[in-house]
C-alpha atoms as a PDB file:
ATOM      1  CA  MET A   1      27.511  -5.123  24.730  1.00  0.00           C
ATOM      2  CA  LYS A   2      23.963  -5.490  24.848  1.00  0.00           C
ATOM      3  CA  ILE A   3      21.855  -2.282  24.523  1.00  0.00           C
ATOM      4  CA  ALA A   4      18.190  -1.889  25.092  1.00  0.00           C
ATOM      5  CA  VAL A   5      15.798   1.172  24.681  1.00  0.00           C
ATOM      6  CA  TYR A   6      13.015   1.361  26.977  1.00  0.00           C
ATOM      7  CA  ALA A   7       9.978   3.934  27.364  1.00  0.00           C
ATOM      8  CA  ILE A   8       6.529   4.588  28.173  1.00  0.00           C
ATOM      9  CA  SER A   9       3.622   5.363  26.017  1.00  0.00           C
ATOM     10  CA  LYS A  10       0.098   6.275  25.847  1.00  0.00           C
ATOM     11  CA  ASN A  11      -1.688   7.069  22.446  1.00  0.00           C
ATOM     12  CA  GLU A  12       1.361   7.653  20.464  1.00  0.00           C
ATOM     13  CA  GLU A  13       0.244   5.870  17.339  1.00  0.00           C
ATOM     14  CA  LYS A  14       1.488   8.799  14.946  1.00  0.00           C
ATOM     15  CA  PHE A  15       5.120   8.457  16.634  1.00  0.00           C
ATOM     16  CA  VAL A  16       5.574   4.948  16.513  1.00  0.00           C
ATOM     17  CA  GLU A  17       7.227   4.300  13.180  1.00  0.00           C
ATOM     18  CA  ARG A  18       9.573   7.284  13.385  1.00  0.00           C
ATOM     19  CA  TRP A  19      10.611   6.339  16.836  1.00  0.00           C
ATOM     20  CA  VAL A  20      11.022   2.799  16.312  1.00  0.00           C
ATOM     21  CA  ASN A  21      13.339   3.387  13.182  1.00  0.00           C
ATOM     22  CA  SER A  22      15.450   5.727  15.459  1.00  0.00           C
ATOM     23  CA  MET A  23      15.732   3.250  18.141  1.00  0.00           C
ATOM     24  CA  SER A  24      16.521   0.397  15.806  1.00  0.00           C
ATOM     25  CA  GLU A  25      20.158   0.361  16.548  1.00  0.00           C
ATOM     26  CA  ALA A  26      19.510  -1.105  20.115  1.00  0.00           C
ATOM     27  CA  ASP A  27      19.207  -4.787  20.373  1.00  0.00           C
ATOM     28  CA  GLU A  28      16.076  -4.902  22.244  1.00  0.00           C
ATOM     29  CA  ILE A  29      13.194  -2.374  22.669  1.00  0.00           C
ATOM     30  CA  TYR A  30      10.695  -2.122  25.311  1.00  0.00           C
ATOM     31  CA  VAL A  31       7.521  -0.101  26.000  1.00  0.00           C
ATOM     32  CA  ALA A  32       5.499  -0.123  28.960  1.00  0.00           C
ATOM     33  CA  ASP A  33       1.954   1.249  27.708  1.00  0.00           C
ATOM     34  CA  THR A  34       0.018   3.016  30.363  1.00  0.00           C
ATOM     35  CA  GLY A  35      -3.342   2.711  28.753  1.00  0.00           C
ATOM     36  CA  SER A  36      -3.501   3.451  24.957  1.00  0.00           C
ATOM     37  CA  THR A  37      -6.881   3.545  23.396  1.00  0.00           C
ATOM     38  CA  ASP A  38      -5.587   3.877  19.973  1.00  0.00           C
ATOM     39  CA  ASN A  39      -3.408   1.566  17.581  1.00  0.00           C
ATOM     40  CA  THR A  40      -0.125   2.393  19.650  1.00  0.00           C
ATOM     41  CA  VAL A  41       0.362  -1.198  21.202  1.00  0.00           C
ATOM     42  CA  GLU A  42      -0.555  -3.009  17.934  1.00  0.00           C
ATOM     43  CA  LEU A  43       1.853  -0.708  15.681  1.00  0.00           C
ATOM     44  CA  LEU A  44       4.734  -1.266  18.400  1.00  0.00           C
ATOM     45  CA  LYS A  45       4.311  -5.282  18.280  1.00  0.00           C
ATOM     46  CA  GLN A  46       4.123  -5.185  14.442  1.00  0.00           C
ATOM     47  CA  LYS A  47       7.609  -3.391  14.609  1.00  0.00           C
ATOM     48  CA  GLY A  48       8.917  -6.114  17.058  1.00  0.00           C
ATOM     49  CA  VAL A  49       8.824  -3.960  20.114  1.00  0.00           C
ATOM     50  CA  ILE A  50       8.191  -5.952  23.399  1.00  0.00           C
ATOM     51  CA  VAL A  51       5.202  -4.190  24.947  1.00  0.00           C
ATOM     52  CA  ASN A  52       3.866  -4.684  28.434  1.00  0.00           C
ATOM     53  CA  SER A  53       0.556  -3.091  29.533  1.00  0.00           C
ATOM     54  CA  VAL A  54       0.644  -1.297  32.973  1.00  0.00           C
ATOM     55  CA  LYS A  55      -1.812   0.450  35.206  1.00  0.00           C
ATOM     56  CA  ILE A  56      -0.344   3.066  37.560  1.00  0.00           C
ATOM     57  CA  GLU A  57      -2.798   4.471  39.731  1.00  0.00           C
ATOM     58  CA  PRO A  58      -2.599   7.313  41.155  1.00  0.00           C
ATOM     59  CA  TRP A  59      -0.493   8.402  38.139  1.00  0.00           C
ATOM     60  CA  ARG A  60       2.988   9.377  38.491  1.00  0.00           C
ATOM     61  CA  PHE A  61       5.978   9.297  35.913  1.00  0.00           C
ATOM     62  CA  ASP A  62       8.587   7.763  38.235  1.00  0.00           C
ATOM     63  CA  GLU A  63       6.657   4.601  39.020  1.00  0.00           C
ATOM     64  CA  SER A  64       5.633   4.290  35.240  1.00  0.00           C
ATOM     65  CA  ARG A  65       9.451   4.524  34.393  1.00  0.00           C
ATOM     66  CA  ASN A  66      10.455   2.197  37.163  1.00  0.00           C
ATOM     67  CA  LYS A  67       8.017  -0.205  35.702  1.00  0.00           C
ATOM     68  CA  SER A  68       9.036   0.116  32.226  1.00  0.00           C
ATOM     69  CA  LEU A  69      12.834  -0.546  33.540  1.00  0.00           C
ATOM     70  CA  GLU A  70      11.695  -3.761  35.363  1.00  0.00           C
ATOM     71  CA  PHE A  71      10.728  -5.250  31.927  1.00  0.00           C
ATOM     72  CA  VAL A  72      14.440  -4.901  30.459  1.00  0.00           C
ATOM     73  CA  SER A  73      16.395  -8.048  30.616  1.00  0.00           C
ATOM     74  CA  LYS A  74      18.612  -8.371  33.557  1.00  0.00           C
ATOM     75  CA  ASP A  75      21.597  -9.218  31.043  1.00  0.00           C
ATOM     76  CA  VAL A  76      21.473  -5.854  29.395  1.00  0.00           C
ATOM     77  CA  ASP A  77      24.482  -3.880  29.709  1.00  0.00           C
ATOM     78  CA  ILE A  78      23.222  -0.316  28.658  1.00  0.00           C
ATOM     79  CA  CYS A  79      19.794   1.024  29.046  1.00  0.00           C
ATOM     80  CA  VAL A  80      18.614   4.045  26.993  1.00  0.00           C
ATOM     81  CA  CYS A  81      15.533   5.788  28.129  1.00  0.00           C
ATOM     82  CA  THR A  82      13.495   7.789  25.530  1.00  0.00           C
ATOM     83  CA  ASP A  83       9.891   8.857  24.719  1.00  0.00           C
ATOM     84  CA  LEU A  84       8.163   8.198  21.505  1.00  0.00           C
ATOM     85  CA  ASP A  85       7.983  11.856  20.399  1.00  0.00           C
ATOM     86  CA  GLU A  86      11.725  11.965  20.547  1.00  0.00           C
ATOM     87  CA  VAL A  87      14.498  10.943  17.498  1.00  0.00           C
ATOM     88  CA  PHE A  88      18.081   9.966  17.707  1.00  0.00           C
ATOM     89  CA  THR A  89      20.598  11.238  15.361  1.00  0.00           C
ATOM     90  CA  GLN A  90      21.832   8.186  13.150  1.00  0.00           C
ATOM     91  CA  GLY A  91      24.925   6.278  14.433  1.00  0.00           C
ATOM     92  CA  TRP A  92      24.276   6.957  18.060  1.00  0.00           C
ATOM     93  CA  ARG A  93      24.907   3.410  19.002  1.00  0.00           C
ATOM     94  CA  LYS A  94      28.619   3.532  17.470  1.00  0.00           C
ATOM     95  CA  GLU A  95      29.834   6.252  19.562  1.00  0.00           C
ATOM     96  CA  LEU A  96      28.153   4.773  22.749  1.00  0.00           C
ATOM     97  CA  GLU A  97      30.068   1.624  22.360  1.00  0.00           C
ATOM     98  CA  GLU A  98      33.378   3.378  21.478  1.00  0.00           C
ATOM     99  CA  LYS A  99      33.144   5.396  24.774  1.00  0.00           C
ATOM    100  CA  TRP A 100      31.569   3.040  27.269  1.00  0.00           C
ATOM    101  CA  THR A 101      33.773   1.416  29.733  1.00  0.00           C
ATOM    102  CA  ASN A 102      33.300  -1.351  32.215  1.00  0.00           C
ATOM    103  CA  ASP A 103      33.113   1.264  35.080  1.00  0.00           C
ATOM    104  CA  THR A 104      30.759   3.766  33.225  1.00  0.00           C
ATOM    105  CA  THR A 105      27.395   4.508  34.805  1.00  0.00           C
ATOM    106  CA  ASN A 106      25.949   7.166  32.627  1.00  0.00           C
ATOM    107  CA  ALA A 107      26.225   8.955  29.369  1.00  0.00           C
ATOM    108  CA  ARG A 108      25.199  12.525  28.773  1.00  0.00           C
ATOM    109  CA  TYR A 109      24.499  13.933  25.197  1.00  0.00           C
ATOM    110  CA  ASN A 110      22.869  16.846  23.565  1.00  0.00           C
ATOM    111  CA  TYR A 111      18.954  17.088  23.791  1.00  0.00           C
ATOM    112  CA  ILE A 112      17.165  19.435  21.589  1.00  0.00           C
ATOM    113  CA  TRP A 113      14.041  20.180  23.764  1.00  0.00           C
ATOM    114  CA  SER A 114      12.451  22.703  21.428  1.00  0.00           C
ATOM    115  CA  PHE A 115      12.604  24.155  17.901  1.00  0.00           C
ATOM    116  CA  ASP A 116      11.309  27.470  16.633  1.00  0.00           C
ATOM    117  CA  GLU A 117       8.532  27.798  13.772  1.00  0.00           C
ATOM    118  CA  ASN A 118      11.490  27.626  11.124  1.00  0.00           C
ATOM    119  CA  GLY A 119      12.624  24.212  12.558  1.00  0.00           C
ATOM    120  CA  LYS A 120      15.875  25.818  14.008  1.00  0.00           C
ATOM    121  CA  PRO A 121      16.917  24.388  17.600  1.00  0.00           C
ATOM    122  CA  GLN A 122      15.584  26.794  20.347  1.00  0.00           C
ATOM    123  CA  THR A 123      16.346  25.141  23.398  1.00  0.00           C
ATOM    124  CA  SER A 124      19.375  22.533  24.089  1.00  0.00           C
ATOM    125  CA  PHE A 125      21.030  21.080  26.814  1.00  0.00           C
ATOM    126  CA  TYR A 126      22.727  17.968  28.090  1.00  0.00           C
ATOM    127  CA  ILE A 127      20.536  14.822  29.494  1.00  0.00           C
ATOM    128  CA  GLU A 128      21.890  11.946  30.994  1.00  0.00           C
ATOM    129  CA  LYS A 129      19.147   9.243  30.407  1.00  0.00           C
ATOM    130  CA  ILE A 130      21.668   6.402  29.194  1.00  0.00           C
ATOM    131  CA  HIS A 131      22.650   4.350  32.062  1.00  0.00           C
ATOM    132  CA  SER A 132      24.057   0.874  33.177  1.00  0.00           C
ATOM    133  CA  ARG A 133      21.142  -1.681  33.563  1.00  0.00           C
ATOM    134  CA  HIS A 134      21.583  -1.876  37.394  1.00  0.00           C
ATOM    135  CA  ASN A 135      21.788   0.372  40.247  1.00  0.00           C
ATOM    136  CA  PHE A 136      19.306   3.092  39.020  1.00  0.00           C
ATOM    137  CA  LYS A 137      15.808   3.942  39.770  1.00  0.00           C
ATOM    138  CA  TRP A 138      13.477   6.989  38.829  1.00  0.00           C
ATOM    139  CA  VAL A 139      12.291   9.361  41.369  1.00  0.00           C
ATOM    140  CA  TYR A 140       9.651  12.413  41.610  1.00  0.00           C
ATOM    141  CA  PRO A 141       6.354  12.184  40.377  1.00  0.00           C
ATOM    142  CA  VAL A 142       6.941  14.451  37.576  1.00  0.00           C
ATOM    143  CA  HIS A 143      10.156  15.933  35.945  1.00  0.00           C
ATOM    144  CA  GLU A 144      11.558  12.777  37.246  1.00  0.00           C
ATOM    145  CA  ILE A 145      15.012  12.069  37.278  1.00  0.00           C
ATOM    146  CA  LEU A 146      17.418   9.147  37.514  1.00  0.00           C
ATOM    147  CA  GLN A 147      18.749   8.220  41.072  1.00  0.00           C
ATOM    148  CA  TYR A 148      21.934   6.272  41.310  1.00  0.00           C
ATOM    149  CA  THR A 149      21.904   3.474  44.021  1.00  0.00           C
ATOM    150  CA  GLY A 150      25.287   1.710  43.667  1.00  0.00           C
ATOM    151  CA  GLU A 151      28.108   1.626  45.817  1.00  0.00           C
ATOM    152  CA  GLN A 152      30.939   2.772  43.421  1.00  0.00           C
ATOM    153  CA  GLN A 153      31.320   6.141  42.388  1.00  0.00           C
ATOM    154  CA  GLN A 154      29.223   7.467  39.382  1.00  0.00           C
ATOM    155  CA  LYS A 155      31.278   7.798  36.116  1.00  0.00           C
ATOM    156  CA  TYR A 156      29.913   9.650  33.014  1.00  0.00           C
ATOM    157  CA  ILE A 157      30.991   9.874  29.481  1.00  0.00           C
ATOM    158  CA  THR A 158      30.004  12.545  27.041  1.00  0.00           C
ATOM    159  CA  LEU A 159      28.678  11.650  23.821  1.00  0.00           C
ATOM    160  CA  ASP A 160      29.576  14.606  21.748  1.00  0.00           C
ATOM    161  CA  ASN A 161      28.141  13.442  18.241  1.00  0.00           C
ATOM    162  CA  VAL A 162      24.941  12.012  19.722  1.00  0.00           C
ATOM    163  CA  THR A 163      21.786  14.258  19.743  1.00  0.00           C
ATOM    164  CA  LEU A 164      18.158  13.526  20.903  1.00  0.00           C
ATOM    165  CA  LYS A 165      15.450  15.749  19.251  1.00  0.00           C
ATOM    166  CA  HIS A 166      12.288  16.184  20.803  1.00  0.00           C
ATOM    167  CA  TYR A 167       9.252  16.801  18.469  1.00  0.00           C
ATOM    168  CA  PRO A 168       6.072  16.837  20.992  1.00  0.00           C
ATOM    169  CA  ASP A 169       2.471  16.737  20.330  1.00  0.00           C
ATOM    170  CA  LYS A 170       1.487  20.363  21.274  1.00  0.00           C
ATOM    171  CA  LYS A 171      -2.109  19.309  21.172  1.00  0.00           C
ATOM    172  CA  LYS A 172      -1.476  16.940  24.310  1.00  0.00           C
ATOM    173  CA  SER A 173      -2.500  18.457  27.635  1.00  0.00           C
ATOM    174  CA  ARG A 174       0.018  19.077  30.371  1.00  0.00           C
ATOM    175  CA  GLY A 175      -2.804  19.513  32.870  1.00  0.00           C
ATOM    176  CA  GLN A 176      -1.333  16.587  35.085  1.00  0.00           C
ATOM    177  CA  TYR A 177       1.903  18.494  35.610  1.00  0.00           C
ATOM    178  CA  LEU A 178       0.669  20.995  38.305  1.00  0.00           C
ATOM    179  CA  PRO A 179      -0.860  18.418  40.836  1.00  0.00           C
ATOM    180  CA  LEU A 180       1.994  16.055  40.272  1.00  0.00           C
ATOM    181  CA  LEU A 181       4.456  18.956  41.068  1.00  0.00           C
ATOM    182  CA  GLU A 182       2.315  20.020  44.098  1.00  0.00           C
ATOM    183  CA  LEU A 183       2.652  16.398  45.414  1.00  0.00           C
ATOM    184  CA  SER A 184       6.535  16.492  44.711  1.00  0.00           C
ATOM    185  CA  VAL A 185       6.896  19.450  46.949  1.00  0.00           C
ATOM    186  CA  LYS A 186       4.622  17.804  49.438  1.00  0.00           C
ATOM    187  CA  GLU A 187       6.659  14.785  49.632  1.00  0.00           C
ATOM    188  CA  ASN A 188      10.060  16.664  49.406  1.00  0.00           C
ATOM    189  CA  PRO A 189       9.530  20.188  50.829  1.00  0.00           C
ATOM    190  CA  ASN A 190      13.137  20.918  50.790  1.00  0.00           C
ATOM    191  CA  ASP A 191      13.845  19.838  47.412  1.00  0.00           C
ATOM    192  CA  ASP A 192      14.890  23.175  45.522  1.00  0.00           C
ATOM    193  CA  ARG A 193      14.476  21.670  42.013  1.00  0.00           C
ATOM    194  CA  ASN A 194      10.990  20.801  42.543  1.00  0.00           C
ATOM    195  CA  MET A 195       9.903  23.975  44.418  1.00  0.00           C
ATOM    196  CA  HIS A 196      11.395  25.905  41.370  1.00  0.00           C
ATOM    197  CA  TYR A 197       9.567  23.769  38.907  1.00  0.00           C
ATOM    198  CA  LEU A 198       6.324  24.310  40.976  1.00  0.00           C
ATOM    199  CA  GLY A 199       6.682  28.213  40.964  1.00  0.00           C
ATOM    200  CA  ARG A 200       7.317  28.027  37.208  1.00  0.00           C
ATOM    201  CA  GLU A 201       4.006  26.107  36.715  1.00  0.00           C
ATOM    202  CA  TYR A 202       1.973  28.652  38.734  1.00  0.00           C
ATOM    203  CA  MET A 203       3.193  31.182  36.425  1.00  0.00           C
ATOM    204  CA  PHE A 204       2.317  29.208  33.388  1.00  0.00           C
ATOM    205  CA  TYR A 205      -1.003  28.984  35.013  1.00  0.00           C
ATOM    206  CA  LYS A 206      -1.289  32.714  35.434  1.00  0.00           C
ATOM    207  CA  MET A 207      -1.285  32.298  39.294  1.00  0.00           C
ATOM    208  CA  TYR A 208       1.181  34.999  39.638  1.00  0.00           C
ATOM    209  CA  ASP A 209       0.683  35.599  43.476  1.00  0.00           C
ATOM    210  CA  LYS A 210       1.176  31.845  44.200  1.00  0.00           C
ATOM    211  CA  SER A 211       4.031  31.891  41.951  1.00  0.00           C
ATOM    212  CA  ILE A 212       5.931  34.730  43.403  1.00  0.00           C
ATOM    213  CA  GLU A 213       5.425  33.057  46.878  1.00  0.00           C
ATOM    214  CA  THR A 214       6.548  29.728  45.690  1.00  0.00           C
ATOM    215  CA  LEU A 215       9.507  30.968  43.909  1.00  0.00           C
ATOM    216  CA  LYS A 216      10.674  32.988  46.884  1.00  0.00           C
ATOM    217  CA  LYS A 217      10.520  29.781  48.846  1.00  0.00           C
ATOM    218  CA  HIS A 218      12.785  28.332  46.253  1.00  0.00           C
ATOM    219  CA  LEU A 219      15.342  31.174  46.870  1.00  0.00           C
ATOM    220  CA  ALA A 220      14.966  30.805  50.464  1.00  0.00           C
ATOM    221  CA  LEU A 221      15.920  26.971  50.599  1.00  0.00           C
ATOM    222  CA  PRO A 222      19.511  26.146  51.980  1.00  0.00           C
ATOM    223  CA  ASN A 223      20.261  24.051  49.011  1.00  0.00           C
ATOM    224  CA  ALA A 224      19.010  26.231  46.371  1.00  0.00           C
ATOM    225  CA  LYS A 225      22.731  26.895  45.440  1.00  0.00           C
ATOM    226  CA  TRP A 226      22.728  26.502  41.539  1.00  0.00           C
ATOM    227  CA  LYS A 227      22.986  30.386  40.362  1.00  0.00           C
ATOM    228  CA  ASP A 228      21.602  29.663  37.050  1.00  0.00           C
ATOM    229  CA  GLU A 229      18.226  28.342  38.488  1.00  0.00           C
ATOM    230  CA  ARG A 230      18.147  30.907  41.190  1.00  0.00           C
ATOM    231  CA  CYS A 231      18.503  33.535  38.594  1.00  0.00           C
ATOM    232  CA  ALA A 232      15.338  31.698  36.414  1.00  0.00           C
ATOM    233  CA  SER A 233      13.332  32.130  39.501  1.00  0.00           C
ATOM    234  CA  MET A 234      14.194  35.802  39.863  1.00  0.00           C
ATOM    235  CA  ARG A 235      13.429  36.149  36.207  1.00  0.00           C
ATOM    236  CA  TYR A 236      10.004  34.460  36.649  1.00  0.00           C
ATOM    237  CA  ILE A 237       9.220  36.737  39.695  1.00  0.00           C
ATOM    238  CA  ALA A 238       9.719  39.690  37.658  1.00  0.00           C
ATOM    239  CA  LYS A 239       7.516  38.135  34.794  1.00  0.00           C
ATOM    240  CA  CYS A 240       4.800  37.750  37.294  1.00  0.00           C
ATOM    241  CA  TYR A 241       5.209  41.448  38.370  1.00  0.00           C
ATOM    242  CA  ILE A 242       4.879  42.588  34.677  1.00  0.00           C
ATOM    243  CA  ASN A 243       1.681  40.673  34.559  1.00  0.00           C
ATOM    244  CA  LYS A 244       0.469  42.289  37.567  1.00  0.00           C
ATOM    245  CA  ALA A 245       1.586  45.554  36.129  1.00  0.00           C
ATOM    246  CA  ASP A 246       4.055  46.392  39.051  1.00  0.00           C
ATOM    247  CA  TYR A 247       6.973  47.410  36.757  1.00  0.00           C
ATOM    248  CA  LYS A 248       9.124  48.811  39.674  1.00  0.00           C
ATOM    249  CA  GLN A 249       9.110  45.228  41.452  1.00  0.00           C
ATOM    250  CA  ALA A 250       9.993  43.515  37.958  1.00  0.00           C
ATOM    251  CA  GLU A 251      12.921  46.046  37.497  1.00  0.00           C
ATOM    252  CA  LEU A 252      14.050  45.152  41.041  1.00  0.00           C
ATOM    253  CA  TRP A 253      13.929  41.633  40.389  1.00  0.00           C
ATOM    254  CA  TYR A 254      15.695  41.801  37.030  1.00  0.00           C
ATOM    255  CA  LYS A 255      18.591  43.657  38.636  1.00  0.00           C
ATOM    256  CA  LYS A 256      18.719  40.868  41.365  1.00  0.00           C
ATOM    257  CA  ALA A 257      18.958  38.283  38.499  1.00  0.00           C
ATOM    258  CA  ILE A 258      21.686  40.039  36.781  1.00  0.00           C
ATOM    259  CA  LYS A 259      23.632  40.536  40.018  1.00  0.00           C
ATOM    260  CA  GLU A 260      22.993  36.720  40.637  1.00  0.00           C
ATOM    261  CA  THR A 261      24.481  35.577  37.295  1.00  0.00           C
ATOM    262  CA  PRO A 262      25.966  38.632  35.392  1.00  0.00           C
ATOM    263  CA  TYR A 263      27.515  35.901  32.988  1.00  0.00           C
ATOM    264  CA  LEU A 264      24.159  34.789  31.522  1.00  0.00           C
ATOM    265  CA  ARG A 265      22.092  36.762  28.543  1.00  0.00           C
ATOM    266  CA  GLU A 266      18.805  35.795  29.983  1.00  0.00           C
ATOM    267  CA  PRO A 267      18.308  38.675  32.662  1.00  0.00           C
ATOM    268  CA  TYR A 268      19.660  41.198  30.532  1.00  0.00           C
ATOM    269  CA  ILE A 269      17.422  40.479  27.617  1.00  0.00           C
ATOM    270  CA  GLU A 270      14.185  40.232  29.495  1.00  0.00           C
ATOM    271  CA  TYR A 271      15.053  43.392  31.445  1.00  0.00           C
ATOM    272  CA  ALA A 272      15.637  45.068  27.985  1.00  0.00           C
ATOM    273  CA  GLN A 273      12.189  43.681  26.829  1.00  0.00           C
ATOM    274  CA  LEU A 274      10.466  45.370  29.737  1.00  0.00           C
ATOM    275  CA  GLU A 275      12.440  48.399  29.002  1.00  0.00           C
ATOM    276  CA  TYR A 276      11.472  48.435  25.298  1.00  0.00           C
ATOM    277  CA  GLU A 277       7.791  48.186  26.250  1.00  0.00           C
ATOM    278  CA  LEU A 278       8.297  51.180  28.599  1.00  0.00           C
ATOM    279  CA  GLN A 279      10.067  52.940  25.642  1.00  0.00           C
ATOM    280  CA  ASN A 280      13.313  53.452  27.813  1.00  0.00           C
ATOM    281  CA  TRP A 281      15.532  53.297  24.848  1.00  0.00           C
ATOM    282  CA  ASN A 282      18.930  54.224  26.406  1.00  0.00           C
ATOM    283  CA  LYS A 283      18.450  51.253  28.987  1.00  0.00           C
ATOM    284  CA  VAL A 284      17.457  48.942  26.291  1.00  0.00           C
ATOM    285  CA  THR A 285      20.556  49.608  24.652  1.00  0.00           C
ATOM    286  CA  GLU A 286      22.591  49.384  27.797  1.00  0.00           C
ATOM    287  CA  LEU A 287      21.226  46.100  28.699  1.00  0.00           C
ATOM    288  CA  VAL A 288      21.553  44.416  25.219  1.00  0.00           C
ATOM    289  CA  GLU A 289      24.829  45.637  24.407  1.00  0.00           C
ATOM    290  CA  ASN A 290      25.938  44.103  27.838  1.00  0.00           C
ATOM    291  CA  ALA A 291      24.200  40.705  27.062  1.00  0.00           C
ATOM    292  CA  LEU A 292      25.991  40.682  23.597  1.00  0.00           C
ATOM    293  CA  LYS A 293      29.418  40.617  25.593  1.00  0.00           C
ATOM    294  CA  ILE A 294      28.561  37.180  26.643  1.00  0.00           C
ATOM    295  CA  THR A 295      29.539  34.909  23.727  1.00  0.00           C
ATOM    296  CA  GLU A 296      29.215  31.295  25.303  1.00  0.00           C
ATOM    297  CA  ARG A 297      25.998  29.819  25.547  1.00  0.00           C
ATOM    298  CA  PRO A 298      25.494  27.464  28.520  1.00  0.00           C
ATOM    299  CA  MET A 299      24.290  23.754  27.770  1.00  0.00           C
ATOM    300  CA  THR A 300      21.494  23.796  30.274  1.00  0.00           C
ATOM    301  CA  TYR A 301      17.683  24.160  30.106  1.00  0.00           C
ATOM    302  CA  ILE A 302      17.756  27.451  31.818  1.00  0.00           C
ATOM    303  CA  SER A 303      19.232  29.177  28.411  1.00  0.00           C
ATOM    304  CA  GLU A 304      16.722  30.656  26.450  1.00  0.00           C
ATOM    305  CA  GLY A 305      16.516  30.337  22.648  1.00  0.00           C
ATOM    306  CA  TYR A 306      15.462  34.040  22.005  1.00  0.00           C
ATOM    307  CA  CYS A 307      18.588  35.331  23.947  1.00  0.00           C
ATOM    308  CA  TRP A 308      20.685  33.687  21.116  1.00  0.00           C
ATOM    309  CA  ASN A 309      18.820  34.322  17.926  1.00  0.00           C
ATOM    310  CA  TYR A 310      17.650  37.635  16.100  1.00  0.00           C
ATOM    311  CA  VAL A 311      16.052  39.126  19.202  1.00  0.00           C
ATOM    312  CA  PRO A 312      18.953  40.995  20.802  1.00  0.00           C
ATOM    313  CA  TYR A 313      19.987  42.678  17.606  1.00  0.00           C
ATOM    314  CA  ASP A 314      16.296  43.504  16.777  1.00  0.00           C
ATOM    315  CA  LEU A 315      15.756  45.386  20.175  1.00  0.00           C
ATOM    316  CA  LEU A 316      19.008  47.280  19.440  1.00  0.00           C
ATOM    317  CA  ALA A 317      17.973  48.201  15.961  1.00  0.00           C
ATOM    318  CA  ILE A 318      14.685  49.571  16.979  1.00  0.00           C
ATOM    319  CA  ALA A 319      16.307  51.211  20.306  1.00  0.00           C
ATOM    320  CA  TYR A 320      18.952  52.973  18.352  1.00  0.00           C
ATOM    321  CA  PHE A 321      16.428  53.936  15.712  1.00  0.00           C
ATOM    322  CA  ASN A 322      14.330  55.735  18.478  1.00  0.00           C
ATOM    323  CA  LEU A 323      17.511  57.258  19.758  1.00  0.00           C
ATOM    324  CA  GLY A 324      18.199  58.707  16.094  1.00  0.00           C
ATOM    325  CA  ASN A 325      21.381  56.693  15.856  1.00  0.00           C
ATOM    326  CA  TYR A 326      20.475  55.405  12.241  1.00  0.00           C
ATOM    327  CA  PRO A 327      23.907  53.754  11.240  1.00  0.00           C
ATOM    328  CA  LEU A 328      24.034  51.656  14.518  1.00  0.00           C
ATOM    329  CA  SER A 329      20.401  50.910  14.052  1.00  0.00           C
ATOM    330  CA  LEU A 330      21.038  49.519  10.428  1.00  0.00           C
ATOM    331  CA  LYS A 331      23.966  47.655  11.591  1.00  0.00           C
ATOM    332  CA  ASN A 332      21.754  45.763  14.072  1.00  0.00           C
ATOM    333  CA  ALA A 333      18.928  45.326  11.882  1.00  0.00           C
ATOM    334  CA  VAL A 334      21.319  43.716   9.314  1.00  0.00           C
ATOM    335  CA  SER A 335      22.472  41.451  12.132  1.00  0.00           C
ATOM    336  CA  ALA A 336      18.987  40.269  12.995  1.00  0.00           C
ATOM    337  CA  TYR A 337      17.974  39.863   9.406  1.00  0.00           C
ATOM    338  CA  ILE A 338      21.047  37.634   8.866  1.00  0.00           C
ATOM    339  CA  LEU A 339      19.884  35.273  11.653  1.00  0.00           C
ATOM    340  CA  GLU A 340      16.372  35.217  10.406  1.00  0.00           C
ATOM    341  CA  PRO A 341      16.128  35.937   6.697  1.00  0.00           C
ATOM    342  CA  GLU A 342      12.629  34.535   6.480  1.00  0.00           C
ATOM    343  CA  ASN A 343      11.429  37.049   8.877  1.00  0.00           C
ATOM    344  CA  GLU A 344       9.441  39.449   6.739  1.00  0.00           C
ATOM    345  CA  ARG A 345       9.083  42.214   9.589  1.00  0.00           C
ATOM    346  CA  LEU A 346      12.947  42.183   9.910  1.00  0.00           C
ATOM    347  CA  GLN A 347      13.420  42.680   6.315  1.00  0.00           C
ATOM    348  CA  GLU A 348      10.995  45.487   6.064  1.00  0.00           C
ATOM    349  CA  ASN A 349      12.446  47.108   9.128  1.00  0.00           C
ATOM    350  CA  MET A 350      16.141  46.932   7.425  1.00  0.00           C
ATOM    351  CA  GLN A 351      14.809  48.488   4.282  1.00  0.00           C
ATOM    352  CA  LYS A 352      13.050  51.566   6.050  1.00  0.00           C
ATOM    353  CA  ILE A 353      16.211  52.018   8.316  1.00  0.00           C
ATOM    354  CA  LYS A 354      18.354  52.127   5.118  1.00  0.00           C
ATOM    355  CA  GLU A 355      16.166  55.019   3.847  1.00  0.00           C
ATOM    356  CA  PHE A 356      16.763  57.060   6.903  1.00  0.00           C
ATOM    357  CA  VAL A 357      20.677  56.343   6.547  1.00  0.00           C
ATOM    358  CA  ASN A 358      20.609  57.303   2.758  1.00  0.00           C
END
């Protein structure tokens, strides 16, 4: 099989060498450069990458990705779309070739979107940016996705041992996201996914009233049926109310989120964090203990890393300490420390609680 990697770039010179080395298992590598003013293009060409310069005005991600896909040879069997700030685990091609069949259309694989300050995976989920050469196009101005245009039914394979890691340039602005999301909703007002993303973006911009209004619109859409995403909208509404110091409304929306998805940790932990700030210690223990009964983490972008690291045990340790239950406080302080032994605060808390137990 002939496999090609394709991507878009703009001022990515510091990522070029690492990215090309990671993608070198492909037969061909294509990049559509959208206006770099640094050495990105020159460095890519030195590495043997086929580079085409494109101009997308007005800017939108779907058109740029479609343009980059156009440059890929028609005789390629499998296309792999990545960004220059991403890195594949070694040996990704071998598993792809072993599992791909003549009627396969897409491959899904693990994507580590973020890491914590200690380099541990924070948010991971499956993505599906490996696809057959034909019958696909990118849609949506931002948070773009692949749309299948073929007549046969889509057939997915899962690459269990393939992981793509994301190491973004945190200094890069995401200022273009908000107007592009507003455009997405304008173009497709009944698209629940884009409405959810727009509401979240307003929250990031601290436009809390607009965020609440938009997220409520998401929840009211007839096709907004994915419970995990509905729960996330409810959680974001609660966060907006917290920032407006309306804790009653925040509690109400966290309760709705728990009712929507009692199988997810996120609404329990975030509700517990609110009650922690309000020093309602009994409520903190109730919520976190219920969250810890959930032992299977879903592989979706909705899953928040802080619900699966030391944070739940840290909350319990402090809550039980304030309730005077020092043995349970110590038990959870130890659990938190084991999960993040480099955290000095956790270590100090554990030692202080030991003194009370003794």
